[in-house]
Amino acid sequence: QVQLVESGGGLVQAGGSLRLSCAGSIRTFSNYSVGWVRQAPGKEREFVAGISWSGCNTGYADPVKSRFTISRDNAKNTVYLQMNSLNAEHTAVYYCAAHWNGLQIVATERGYDYWGQGTQVTVSS
């Protein structure tokens, strides 16, 4: 069982930045691919970014490609999402999720095996 804990969300002004963190609870967390999925008010969950077990491969949803960067530090069992140039459209609950096949980036909101509880990101205009 993998437990995921997100942190780093909060209230930020438009144009600002936030860095989200996702901490995995088990030693083999580095074997998993990890993704960030968000859910805005009144909308379905949508894939944001994903990263393979090694960090060598990443994938992004088109709307965030130039603004967000996903990375990981396997020594710390942590995956990050750096979000820059935020605007109101980025307001959502951001979830961290893990997939057992570390080579596969799951570029949809489905297909993940484990989920965190989410962290709220609110961008004020």
Protein backbone atom coordinates (compact mmCIF):
# COMPACT_ATOMS: atom_id res chain seq x y z
CA GLN A 1 0.00 0.00 0.00
CA VAL A 2 1.40 3.37 -1.03
CA GLN A 3 0.31 6.44 0.85
CA LEU A 4 0.78 9.78 -0.85
CA VAL A 5 0.74 13.11 0.94
CA GLU A 6 0.58 16.37 -0.98
CA SER A 7 1.67 19.73 0.35
CA GLY A 8 2.48 23.19 -0.91
CA GLY A 9 -0.93 24.36 -2.02
CA GLY A 10 -2.43 27.65 -0.95
CA LEU A 11 -3.57 31.05 -2.09
CA VAL A 12 -1.44 32.91 -4.60
CA GLN A 13 -1.94 36.00 -6.72
CA ALA A 14 -2.16 35.77 -10.47
CA GLY A 15 1.29 35.69 -11.99
CA GLY A 16 2.76 34.01 -8.95
CA SER A 17 4.28 30.59 -8.42
CA LEU A 18 3.81 27.58 -6.20
CA ARG A 19 5.67 24.33 -5.76
CA LEU A 20 3.65 21.29 -4.81
CA SER A 21 5.23 18.28 -3.17
CA CYS A 22 4.10 14.68 -3.06
CA ALA A 23 5.71 12.45 -0.47
CA GLY A 24 5.45 8.67 -0.82
CA SER A 25 5.30 6.47 2.24
CA ILE A 26 7.22 3.38 1.13
CA ARG A 27 10.87 2.72 0.33
CA THR A 28 10.03 1.47 -3.16
CA PHE A 29 8.21 4.68 -4.10
CA SER A 30 11.04 5.31 -6.55
CA ASN A 31 9.79 2.32 -8.60
CA TYR A 32 6.50 4.03 -9.39
CA SER A 33 5.63 6.54 -12.04
CA VAL A 34 3.83 9.52 -10.55
CA GLY A 35 1.40 12.02 -11.91
CA TRP A 36 -0.43 15.16 -10.93
CA VAL A 37 -4.13 15.36 -11.67
CA ARG A 38 -6.34 18.34 -10.87
CA GLN A 39 -10.02 18.96 -10.42
CA ALA A 40 -11.39 22.45 -10.82
CA PRO A 41 -14.76 23.42 -9.34
CA GLY A 42 -17.59 21.91 -11.35
CA LYS A 43 -15.24 20.07 -13.70
CA GLU A 44 -13.93 16.56 -14.18
CA ARG A 45 -10.48 15.53 -13.06
CA GLU A 46 -7.81 16.13 -15.66
CA PHE A 47 -4.23 15.03 -16.11
CA VAL A 48 -1.62 17.73 -15.54
CA ALA A 49 1.83 16.12 -15.61
CA GLY A 50 3.58 12.80 -15.13
CA ILE A 51 7.07 11.48 -14.53
CA SER A 52 8.70 8.07 -14.88
CA TRP A 53 10.48 6.30 -12.05
CA SER A 54 13.88 7.68 -13.01
CA GLY A 55 12.72 11.18 -13.79
CA CYS A 56 14.14 10.89 -17.29
CA ASN A 57 10.74 10.89 -18.96
CA THR A 58 8.02 13.43 -18.34
CA GLY A 59 4.69 14.30 -19.91
CA TYR A 60 2.44 17.34 -19.69
CA ALA A 61 -1.04 18.37 -20.63
CA ASP A 62 -0.88 20.95 -23.42
CA PRO A 63 -2.28 23.87 -21.35
CA VAL A 64 0.53 23.64 -18.78
CA LYS A 65 3.55 22.71 -20.88
CA SER A 66 5.19 26.11 -20.75
CA ARG A 67 4.29 26.87 -17.14
CA PHE A 68 4.63 23.70 -15.06
CA THR A 69 7.61 21.43 -14.40
CA ILE A 70 7.44 18.02 -12.77
CA SER A 71 10.49 16.52 -11.10
CA ARG A 72 11.38 13.99 -8.46
CA ASP A 73 13.98 13.31 -5.81
CA ASN A 74 13.99 9.57 -5.18
CA ALA A 75 16.36 9.92 -2.25
CA LYS A 76 13.60 11.88 -0.54
CA ASN A 77 10.70 9.82 -1.92
CA THR A 78 9.21 13.06 -3.21
CA VAL A 79 7.78 14.32 -6.48
CA TYR A 80 7.39 18.03 -7.16
CA LEU A 81 5.27 20.20 -9.40
CA GLN A 82 6.64 23.67 -9.99
CA MET A 83 3.88 25.96 -11.22
CA ASN A 84 4.72 29.36 -12.66
CA SER A 85 2.71 32.23 -14.12
CA LEU A 86 -0.44 31.05 -12.43
CA ASN A 87 -3.85 32.42 -13.29
CA ALA A 88 -7.40 31.84 -12.13
CA GLU A 89 -7.80 28.91 -14.54
CA HIS A 90 -5.28 26.98 -12.46
CA THR A 91 -7.48 27.08 -9.39
CA ALA A 92 -8.21 23.46 -8.48
CA VAL A 93 -7.53 20.66 -6.08
CA TYR A 94 -4.29 19.03 -7.17
CA TYR A 95 -3.87 15.32 -6.56
CA CYS A 96 -0.74 13.25 -6.62
CA ALA A 97 -1.14 9.71 -7.95
CA ALA A 98 1.16 6.72 -8.43
CA HIS A 99 1.22 3.90 -10.97
CA TRP A 100 2.98 0.56 -10.38
CA ASN A 101 4.76 0.55 -13.75
CA GLY A 102 7.51 3.07 -13.28
CA LEU A 103 8.30 3.13 -16.99
CA GLN A 104 4.79 4.20 -17.98
CA ILE A 105 3.55 7.77 -17.70
CA VAL A 106 -0.20 7.64 -17.29
CA ALA A 107 -1.31 10.69 -19.24
CA THR A 108 -4.95 10.54 -18.26
CA GLU A 109 -6.92 11.01 -15.07
CA ARG A 110 -7.49 7.25 -14.93
CA GLY A 111 -5.15 4.31 -14.58
CA TYR A 112 -3.45 5.24 -11.33
CA ASP A 113 -3.23 2.78 -8.49
CA TYR A 114 -2.82 5.11 -5.54
CA TRP A 115 -4.01 8.63 -4.81
CA GLY A 116 -3.29 11.32 -2.30
CA GLN A 117 -5.93 13.42 -0.59
CA GLY A 118 -5.23 16.50 -2.67
CA THR A 119 -4.06 20.01 -1.98
CA GLN A 120 -6.03 23.14 -2.82
CA VAL A 121 -4.50 25.74 -5.11
CA THR A 122 -6.37 29.03 -5.36
CA VAL A 123 -5.22 31.79 -7.67
CA SER A 124 -6.67 35.22 -7.06
CA SER A 125 -7.00 37.66 -9.94
